[in-house]
PDB file of N, CA and C in Angstrom:
ATOM      1  N   MET A   1       0.850  -1.180   0.000  1.00  0.00           N
ATOM      2  CA  MET A   1       0.000   0.000   0.000  1.00  0.00           C
ATOM      3  C   MET A   1       0.889   1.234   0.000  1.00  0.00           C
ATOM      4  N   SER A   2       0.515   2.199  -0.785  1.00  0.00           N
ATOM      5  CA  SER A   2       1.305   3.417  -0.879  1.00  0.00           C
ATOM      6  C   SER A   2       0.438   4.620  -0.517  1.00  0.00           C
ATOM      7  N   TYR A   3       0.970   5.473   0.314  1.00  0.00           N
ATOM      8  CA  TYR A   3       0.277   6.678   0.733  1.00  0.00           C
ATOM      9  C   TYR A   3       1.016   7.882   0.176  1.00  0.00           C
ATOM     10  N   HIS A   4       0.260   8.883  -0.208  1.00  0.00           N
ATOM     11  CA  HIS A   4       0.859  10.123  -0.684  1.00  0.00           C
ATOM     12  C   HIS A   4       0.258  11.266   0.123  1.00  0.00           C
ATOM     13  N   PHE A   5       1.109  11.944   0.844  1.00  0.00           N
ATOM     14  CA  PHE A   5       0.672  13.064   1.661  1.00  0.00           C
ATOM     15  C   PHE A   5       1.348  14.334   1.181  1.00  0.00           C
ATOM     16  N   LYS A   6       0.613  15.420   1.226  1.00  0.00           N
ATOM     17  CA  LYS A   6       1.174  16.715   0.881  1.00  0.00           C
ATOM     18  C   LYS A   6       1.972  17.214   2.083  1.00  0.00           C
ATOM     19  N   VAL A   7       3.265  17.415   1.881  1.00  0.00           N
ATOM     20  CA  VAL A   7       4.131  17.917   2.942  1.00  0.00           C
ATOM     21  C   VAL A   7       4.005  19.436   2.976  1.00  0.00           C
ATOM     22  N   LEU A   8       3.619  19.960   4.133  1.00  0.00           N
ATOM     23  CA  LEU A   8       3.454  21.400   4.292  1.00  0.00           C
ATOM     24  C   LEU A   8       4.681  22.073   4.881  1.00  0.00           C
ATOM     25  N   ASP A   9       5.428  21.320   5.687  1.00  0.00           N
ATOM     26  CA  ASP A   9       6.581  21.913   6.375  1.00  0.00           C
ATOM     27  C   ASP A   9       7.473  20.788   6.880  1.00  0.00           C
ATOM     28  N   LYS A  10       8.699  21.144   7.201  1.00  0.00           N
ATOM     29  CA  LYS A  10       9.607  20.215   7.855  1.00  0.00           C
ATOM     30  C   LYS A  10      10.117  20.897   9.113  1.00  0.00           C
ATOM     31  N   ILE A  11      10.083  20.164  10.205  1.00  0.00           N
ATOM     32  CA  ILE A  11      10.539  20.672  11.493  1.00  0.00           C
ATOM     33  C   ILE A  11      11.885  20.010  11.788  1.00  0.00           C
ATOM     34  N   TYR A  12      12.918  20.822  11.914  1.00  0.00           N
ATOM     35  CA  TYR A  12      14.241  20.308  12.214  1.00  0.00           C
ATOM     36  C   TYR A  12      14.433  20.313  13.719  1.00  0.00           C
ATOM     37  N   ASP A  13      14.635  19.144  14.279  1.00  0.00           N
ATOM     38  CA  ASP A  13      14.781  18.991  15.722  1.00  0.00           C
ATOM     39  C   ASP A  13      15.904  17.995  15.982  1.00  0.00           C
ATOM     40  N   PHE A  14      17.076  18.516  16.313  1.00  0.00           N
ATOM     41  CA  PHE A  14      18.244  17.663  16.487  1.00  0.00           C
ATOM     42  C   PHE A  14      18.177  16.821  17.755  1.00  0.00           C
ATOM     43  N   GLU A  15      17.366  17.228  18.733  1.00  0.00           N
ATOM     44  CA  GLU A  15      17.249  16.463  19.976  1.00  0.00           C
ATOM     45  C   GLU A  15      16.256  15.317  19.861  1.00  0.00           C
ATOM     46  N   ASN A  16      15.086  15.567  19.256  1.00  0.00           N
ATOM     47  CA  ASN A  16      14.026  14.571  19.231  1.00  0.00           C
ATOM     48  C   ASN A  16      13.826  13.905  17.883  1.00  0.00           C
ATOM     49  N   GLY A  17      14.395  14.460  16.844  1.00  0.00           N
ATOM     50  CA  GLY A  17      14.243  13.916  15.495  1.00  0.00           C
ATOM     51  C   GLY A  17      13.411  14.831  14.613  1.00  0.00           C
ATOM     52  N   ASP A  18      13.806  14.932  13.371  1.00  0.00           N
ATOM     53  CA  ASP A  18      13.104  15.782  12.412  1.00  0.00           C
ATOM     54  C   ASP A  18      11.722  15.211  12.105  1.00  0.00           C
ATOM     55  N   LYS A  19      10.785  16.110  11.822  1.00  0.00           N
ATOM     56  CA  LYS A  19       9.417  15.704  11.507  1.00  0.00           C
ATOM     57  C   LYS A  19       8.935  16.422  10.262  1.00  0.00           C
ATOM     58  N   TYR A  20       7.980  15.800   9.605  1.00  0.00           N
ATOM     59  CA  TYR A  20       7.243  16.432   8.521  1.00  0.00           C
ATOM     60  C   TYR A  20       5.865  16.812   9.031  1.00  0.00           C
ATOM     61  N   VAL A  21       5.368  17.965   8.600  1.00  0.00           N
ATOM     62  CA  VAL A  21       3.980  18.350   8.817  1.00  0.00           C
ATOM     63  C   VAL A  21       3.268  18.010   7.521  1.00  0.00           C
ATOM     64  N   VAL A  22       2.326  17.075   7.591  1.00  0.00           N
ATOM     65  CA  VAL A  22       1.634  16.631   6.388  1.00  0.00           C
ATOM     66  C   VAL A  22       0.148  16.943   6.488  1.00  0.00           C
ATOM     67  N   GLU A  23      -0.431  17.232   5.336  1.00  0.00           N
ATOM     68  CA  GLU A  23      -1.858  17.523   5.268  1.00  0.00           C
ATOM     69  C   GLU A  23      -2.624  16.215   5.095  1.00  0.00           C
ATOM     70  N   THR A  24      -3.722  16.087   5.834  1.00  0.00           N
ATOM     71  CA  THR A  24      -4.572  14.908   5.699  1.00  0.00           C
ATOM     72  C   THR A  24      -5.769  15.244   4.813  1.00  0.00           C
ATOM     73  N   LYS A  25      -6.473  14.209   4.406  1.00  0.00           N
ATOM     74  CA  LYS A  25      -7.637  14.361   3.531  1.00  0.00           C
ATOM     75  C   LYS A  25      -8.698  15.247   4.168  1.00  0.00           C
ATOM     76  N   GLU A  26      -9.633  15.691   3.335  1.00  0.00           N
ATOM     77  CA  GLU A  26     -10.775  16.458   3.828  1.00  0.00           C
ATOM     78  C   GLU A  26     -11.663  15.548   4.666  1.00  0.00           C
ATOM     79  N   CYS A  27     -12.027  16.025   5.839  1.00  0.00           N
ATOM     80  CA  CYS A  27     -12.915  15.295   6.744  1.00  0.00           C
ATOM     81  C   CYS A  27     -14.330  15.343   6.166  1.00  0.00           C
ATOM     82  N   PHE A  28     -14.984  14.204   6.076  1.00  0.00           N
ATOM     83  CA  PHE A  28     -16.319  14.214   5.495  1.00  0.00           C
ATOM     84  C   PHE A  28     -17.357  14.782   6.456  1.00  0.00           C
ATOM     85  N   HIS A  29     -16.987  14.982   7.720  1.00  0.00           N
ATOM     86  CA  HIS A  29     -17.917  15.564   8.699  1.00  0.00           C
ATOM     87  C   HIS A  29     -17.870  17.092   8.667  1.00  0.00           C
ATOM     88  N   CYS A  30     -16.670  17.668   8.811  1.00  0.00           N
ATOM     89  CA  CYS A  30     -16.541  19.131   8.873  1.00  0.00           C
ATOM     90  C   CYS A  30     -16.049  19.754   7.560  1.00  0.00           C
ATOM     91  N   LYS A  31     -15.661  18.912   6.624  1.00  0.00           N
ATOM     92  CA  LYS A  31     -15.213  19.352   5.294  1.00  0.00           C
ATOM     93  C   LYS A  31     -13.900  20.136   5.306  1.00  0.00           C
ATOM     94  N   GLN A  32     -13.092  19.979   6.358  1.00  0.00           N
ATOM     95  CA  GLN A  32     -11.800  20.656   6.471  1.00  0.00           C
ATOM     96  C   GLN A  32     -10.674  19.627   6.379  1.00  0.00           C
ATOM     97  N   THR A  33      -9.544  20.050   5.825  1.00  0.00           N
ATOM     98  CA  THR A  33      -8.363  19.200   5.884  1.00  0.00           C
ATOM     99  C   THR A  33      -7.744  19.361   7.270  1.00  0.00           C
ATOM    100  N   GLY A  34      -6.762  18.561   7.558  1.00  0.00           N
ATOM    101  CA  GLY A  34      -6.067  18.658   8.835  1.00  0.00           C
ATOM    102  C   GLY A  34      -4.589  18.442   8.629  1.00  0.00           C
ATOM    103  N   THR A  35      -3.847  18.477   9.712  1.00  0.00           N
ATOM    104  CA  THR A  35      -2.412  18.207   9.646  1.00  0.00           C
ATOM    105  C   THR A  35      -2.012  17.284  10.784  1.00  0.00           C
ATOM    106  N   VAL A  36      -0.953  16.547  10.555  1.00  0.00           N
ATOM    107  CA  VAL A  36      -0.301  15.751  11.588  1.00  0.00           C
ATOM    108  C   VAL A  36       1.195  15.911  11.403  1.00  0.00           C
ATOM    109  N   GLU A  37       1.933  15.655  12.445  1.00  0.00           N
ATOM    110  CA  GLU A  37       3.394  15.688  12.390  1.00  0.00           C
ATOM    111  C   GLU A  37       3.910  14.269  12.561  1.00  0.00           C
ATOM    112  N   ILE A  38       4.710  13.829  11.600  1.00  0.00           N
ATOM    113  CA  ILE A  38       5.293  12.495  11.690  1.00  0.00           C
ATOM    114  C   ILE A  38       6.804  12.588  11.486  1.00  0.00           C
ATOM    115  N   PHE A  39       7.508  11.661  12.109  1.00  0.00           N
ATOM    116  CA  PHE A  39       8.960  11.636  12.008  1.00  0.00           C
ATOM    117  C   PHE A  39       9.397  11.293  10.587  1.00  0.00           C
ATOM    118  N   THR A  40      10.561  11.776  10.213  1.00  0.00           N
ATOM    119  CA  THR A  40      11.130  11.520   8.894  1.00  0.00           C
ATOM    120  C   THR A  40      11.204  10.018   8.623  1.00  0.00           C
ATOM    121  N   GLN A  41      11.606   9.246   9.605  1.00  0.00           N
ATOM    122  CA  GLN A  41      11.721   7.794   9.440  1.00  0.00           C
ATOM    123  C   GLN A  41      10.348   7.177   9.158  1.00  0.00           C
ATOM    124  N   GLU A  42       9.294   7.712   9.798  1.00  0.00           N
ATOM    125  CA  GLU A  42       7.942   7.198   9.560  1.00  0.00           C
ATOM    126  C   GLU A  42       7.486   7.497   8.133  1.00  0.00           C
ATOM    127  N   MET A  43       7.833   8.655   7.627  1.00  0.00           N
ATOM    128  CA  MET A  43       7.512   8.995   6.233  1.00  0.00           C
ATOM    129  C   MET A  43       8.220   8.024   5.290  1.00  0.00           C
ATOM    130  N   PHE A  44       9.467   7.705   5.609  1.00  0.00           N
ATOM    131  CA  PHE A  44      10.208   6.722   4.819  1.00  0.00           C
ATOM    132  C   PHE A  44       9.481   5.381   4.809  1.00  0.00           C
ATOM    133  N   TYR A  45       9.048   4.923   5.984  1.00  0.00           N
ATOM    134  CA  TYR A  45       8.333   3.644   6.075  1.00  0.00           C
ATOM    135  C   TYR A  45       7.063   3.662   5.229  1.00  0.00           C
ATOM    136  N   LEU A  46       6.340   4.774   5.238  1.00  0.00           N
ATOM    137  CA  LEU A  46       5.124   4.883   4.424  1.00  0.00           C
ATOM    138  C   LEU A  46       5.451   4.772   2.939  1.00  0.00           C
ATOM    139  N   HIS A  47       6.537   5.421   2.529  1.00  0.00           N
ATOM    140  CA  HIS A  47       6.940   5.359   1.123  1.00  0.00           C
ATOM    141  C   HIS A  47       7.449   3.969   0.733  1.00  0.00           C
ATOM    142  N   GLN A  48       7.830   3.168   1.730  1.00  0.00           N
ATOM    143  CA  GLN A  48       8.261   1.794   1.463  1.00  0.00           C
ATOM    144  C   GLN A  48       7.081   0.832   1.406  1.00  0.00           C
ATOM    145  N   GLY A  49       5.861   1.346   1.674  1.00  0.00           N
ATOM    146  CA  GLY A  49       4.663   0.518   1.557  1.00  0.00           C
ATOM    147  C   GLY A  49       4.112  -0.019   2.863  1.00  0.00           C
ATOM    148  N   MET A  50       4.672   0.381   3.986  1.00  0.00           N
ATOM    149  CA  MET A  50       4.138  -0.084   5.265  1.00  0.00           C
ATOM    150  C   MET A  50       2.771   0.546   5.526  1.00  0.00           C
ATOM    151  N   HIS A  51       1.926  -0.170   6.253  1.00  0.00           N
ATOM    152  CA  HIS A  51       0.631   0.358   6.659  1.00  0.00           C
ATOM    153  C   HIS A  51       0.835   1.433   7.722  1.00  0.00           C
ATOM    154  N   ILE A  52      -0.071   2.389   7.751  1.00  0.00           N
ATOM    155  CA  ILE A  52       0.047   3.505   8.689  1.00  0.00           C
ATOM    156  C   ILE A  52       0.156   3.016  10.130  1.00  0.00           C
ATOM    157  N   GLN A  53      -0.658   2.034  10.509  1.00  0.00           N
ATOM    158  CA  GLN A  53      -0.627   1.569  11.897  1.00  0.00           C
ATOM    159  C   GLN A  53       0.720   0.948  12.275  1.00  0.00           C
ATOM    160  N   ASP A  54       1.472   0.476  11.297  1.00  0.00           N
ATOM    161  CA  ASP A  54       2.794  -0.098  11.559  1.00  0.00           C
ATOM    162  C   ASP A  54       3.916   0.931  11.407  1.00  0.00           C
ATOM    163  N   ALA A  55       3.738   1.881  10.502  1.00  0.00           N
ATOM    164  CA  ALA A  55       4.798   2.835  10.186  1.00  0.00           C
ATOM    165  C   ALA A  55       4.827   4.030  11.121  1.00  0.00           C
ATOM    166  N   VAL A  56       3.653   4.468  11.576  1.00  0.00           N
ATOM    167  CA  VAL A  56       3.563   5.719  12.340  1.00  0.00           C
ATOM    168  C   VAL A  56       3.213   5.401  13.794  1.00  0.00           C
ATOM    169  N   LYS A  57       4.218   5.041  14.546  1.00  0.00           N
ATOM    170  CA  LYS A  57       4.030   4.673  15.956  1.00  0.00           C
ATOM    171  C   LYS A  57       3.991   5.891  16.877  1.00  0.00           C
ATOM    172  N   SER A  58       4.418   7.056  16.374  1.00  0.00           N
ATOM    173  CA  SER A  58       4.473   8.244  17.234  1.00  0.00           C
ATOM    174  C   SER A  58       3.089   8.862  17.461  1.00  0.00           C
ATOM    175  N   LEU A  59       2.108   8.512  16.621  1.00  0.00           N
ATOM    176  CA  LEU A  59       0.757   9.053  16.775  1.00  0.00           C
ATOM    177  C   LEU A  59      -0.161   8.017  17.394  1.00  0.00           C
ATOM    178  N   ASP A  60      -1.126   8.486  18.186  1.00  0.00           N
ATOM    179  CA  ASP A  60      -2.104   7.547  18.709  1.00  0.00           C
ATOM    180  C   ASP A  60      -3.078   7.175  17.599  1.00  0.00           C
ATOM    181  N   ARG A  61      -3.931   6.210  17.855  1.00  0.00           N
ATOM    182  CA  ARG A  61      -4.778   5.666  16.792  1.00  0.00           C
ATOM    183  C   ARG A  61      -5.761   6.682  16.239  1.00  0.00           C
ATOM    184  N   ASP A  62      -6.157   7.678  17.049  1.00  0.00           N
ATOM    185  CA  ASP A  62      -7.079   8.710  16.562  1.00  0.00           C
ATOM    186  C   ASP A  62      -6.449   9.512  15.418  1.00  0.00           C
ATOM    187  N   TYR A  63      -5.193   9.848  15.563  1.00  0.00           N
ATOM    188  CA  TYR A  63      -4.512  10.631  14.531  1.00  0.00           C
ATOM    189  C   TYR A  63      -4.057   9.757  13.361  1.00  0.00           C
ATOM    190  N   ARG A  64      -3.808   8.478  13.613  1.00  0.00           N
ATOM    191  CA  ARG A  64      -3.545   7.567  12.493  1.00  0.00           C
ATOM    192  C   ARG A  64      -4.817   7.404  11.666  1.00  0.00           C
ATOM    193  N   GLU A  65      -5.976   7.352  12.325  1.00  0.00           N
ATOM    194  CA  GLU A  65      -7.258   7.310  11.613  1.00  0.00           C
ATOM    195  C   GLU A  65      -7.434   8.565  10.765  1.00  0.00           C
ATOM    196  N   GLN A  66      -7.035   9.703  11.306  1.00  0.00           N
ATOM    197  CA  GLN A  66      -7.113  10.947  10.532  1.00  0.00           C
ATOM    198  C   GLN A  66      -6.253  10.846   9.276  1.00  0.00           C
ATOM    199  N   MET A  67      -5.090  10.225   9.386  1.00  0.00           N
ATOM    200  CA  MET A  67      -4.229  10.059   8.220  1.00  0.00           C
ATOM    201  C   MET A  67      -4.885   9.184   7.159  1.00  0.00           C
ATOM    202  N   ILE A  68      -5.645   8.188   7.594  1.00  0.00           N
ATOM    203  CA  ILE A  68      -6.256   7.247   6.661  1.00  0.00           C
ATOM    204  C   ILE A  68      -7.522   7.822   6.037  1.00  0.00           C
ATOM    205  N   THR A  69      -8.425   8.339   6.871  1.00  0.00           N
ATOM    206  CA  THR A  69      -9.750   8.742   6.384  1.00  0.00           C
ATOM    207  C   THR A  69      -9.955  10.245   6.324  1.00  0.00           C
ATOM    208  N   GLY A  70      -9.113  11.008   7.020  1.00  0.00           N
ATOM    209  CA  GLY A  70      -9.294  12.449   7.086  1.00  0.00           C
ATOM    210  C   GLY A  70     -10.157  12.888   8.258  1.00  0.00           C
ATOM    211  N   THR A  71     -10.790  11.940   8.943  1.00  0.00           N
ATOM    212  CA  THR A  71     -11.700  12.267  10.041  1.00  0.00           C
ATOM    213  C   THR A  71     -10.913  12.707  11.272  1.00  0.00           C
ATOM    214  N   HIS A  72     -11.125  13.954  11.694  1.00  0.00           N
ATOM    215  CA  HIS A  72     -10.452  14.488  12.877  1.00  0.00           C
ATOM    216  C   HIS A  72     -10.971  13.776  14.134  1.00  0.00           C
ATOM    217  N   PRO A  73     -10.131  13.634  15.149  1.00  0.00           N
ATOM    218  CA  PRO A  73     -10.589  12.994  16.382  1.00  0.00           C
ATOM    219  C   PRO A  73     -11.848  13.648  16.969  1.00  0.00           C
ATOM    220  N   LYS A  74     -11.907  14.974  16.957  1.00  0.00           N
ATOM    221  CA  LYS A  74     -13.079  15.680  17.478  1.00  0.00           C
ATOM    222  C   LYS A  74     -14.326  15.345  16.660  1.00  0.00           C
ATOM    223  N   CYS A  75     -14.187  15.294  15.356  1.00  0.00           N
ATOM    224  CA  CYS A  75     -15.322  14.975  14.479  1.00  0.00           C
ATOM    225  C   CYS A  75     -15.790  13.538  14.703  1.00  0.00           C
ATOM    226  N   TRP A  76     -14.849  12.628  14.924  1.00  0.00           N
ATOM    227  CA  TRP A  76     -15.195  11.228  15.192  1.00  0.00           C
ATOM    228  C   TRP A  76     -16.093  11.147  16.425  1.00  0.00           C
ATOM    229  N   ILE A  77     -15.710  11.885  17.475  1.00  0.00           N
ATOM    230  CA  ILE A  77     -16.510  11.890  18.714  1.00  0.00           C
ATOM    231  C   ILE A  77     -17.872  12.494  18.467  1.00  0.00           C
ATOM    232  N   GLU A  78     -17.935  13.585  17.690  1.00  0.00           N
ATOM    233  CA  GLU A  78     -19.221  14.202  17.383  1.00  0.00           C
ATOM    234  C   GLU A  78     -20.132  13.235  16.624  1.00  0.00           C
ATOM    235  N   MET A  79     -19.551  12.423  15.764  1.00  0.00           N
ATOM    236  CA  MET A  79     -20.361  11.495  14.957  1.00  0.00           C
ATOM    237  C   MET A  79     -20.738  10.225  15.716  1.00  0.00           C
ATOM    238  N   PHE A  80     -19.795   9.678  16.501  1.00  0.00           N
ATOM    239  CA  PHE A  80     -19.992   8.358  17.089  1.00  0.00           C
ATOM    240  C   PHE A  80     -19.973   8.328  18.606  1.00  0.00           C
ATOM    241  N   GLY A  81     -19.650   9.452  19.249  1.00  0.00           N
ATOM    242  CA  GLY A  81     -19.594   9.485  20.712  1.00  0.00           C
ATOM    243  C   GLY A  81     -18.259   9.020  21.238  1.00  0.00           C
ATOM    244  N   GLU A  82     -18.104   9.148  22.550  1.00  0.00           N
ATOM    245  CA  GLU A  82     -16.876   8.742  23.225  1.00  0.00           C
ATOM    246  C   GLU A  82     -16.763   7.208  23.241  1.00  0.00           C
ATOM    247  N   GLU A  83     -15.530   6.727  23.224  1.00  0.00           N
ATOM    248  CA  GLU A  83     -15.276   5.289  23.333  1.00  0.00           C
ATOM    249  C   GLU A  83     -15.510   4.855  24.772  1.00  0.00           C
ATOM    250  N   GLU A  84     -16.126   3.725  24.935  1.00  0.00           N
ATOM    251  CA  GLU A  84     -16.411   3.230  26.296  1.00  0.00           C
ATOM    252  C   GLU A  84     -15.394   2.249  26.762  1.00  0.00           C
TER     253      GLU A  84
END
């Protein structure tokens, strides 16, 4: 599987590791795009064909879902409620 994300910025951080700021798809609930920050190594893994849940360990599952579907965590809660 191959993912293509629009890179909006690169954050250079010599202590914690460089990150990319990438734009996510338009959310079908609020109709807005979003952004997430992922490490350079995670972007490499995505370009190598790894699944998001395996490649992007720095984000919790809510933000990995945003990368896949575009649905923001807040919008998910508005649509489906809090997880029990």
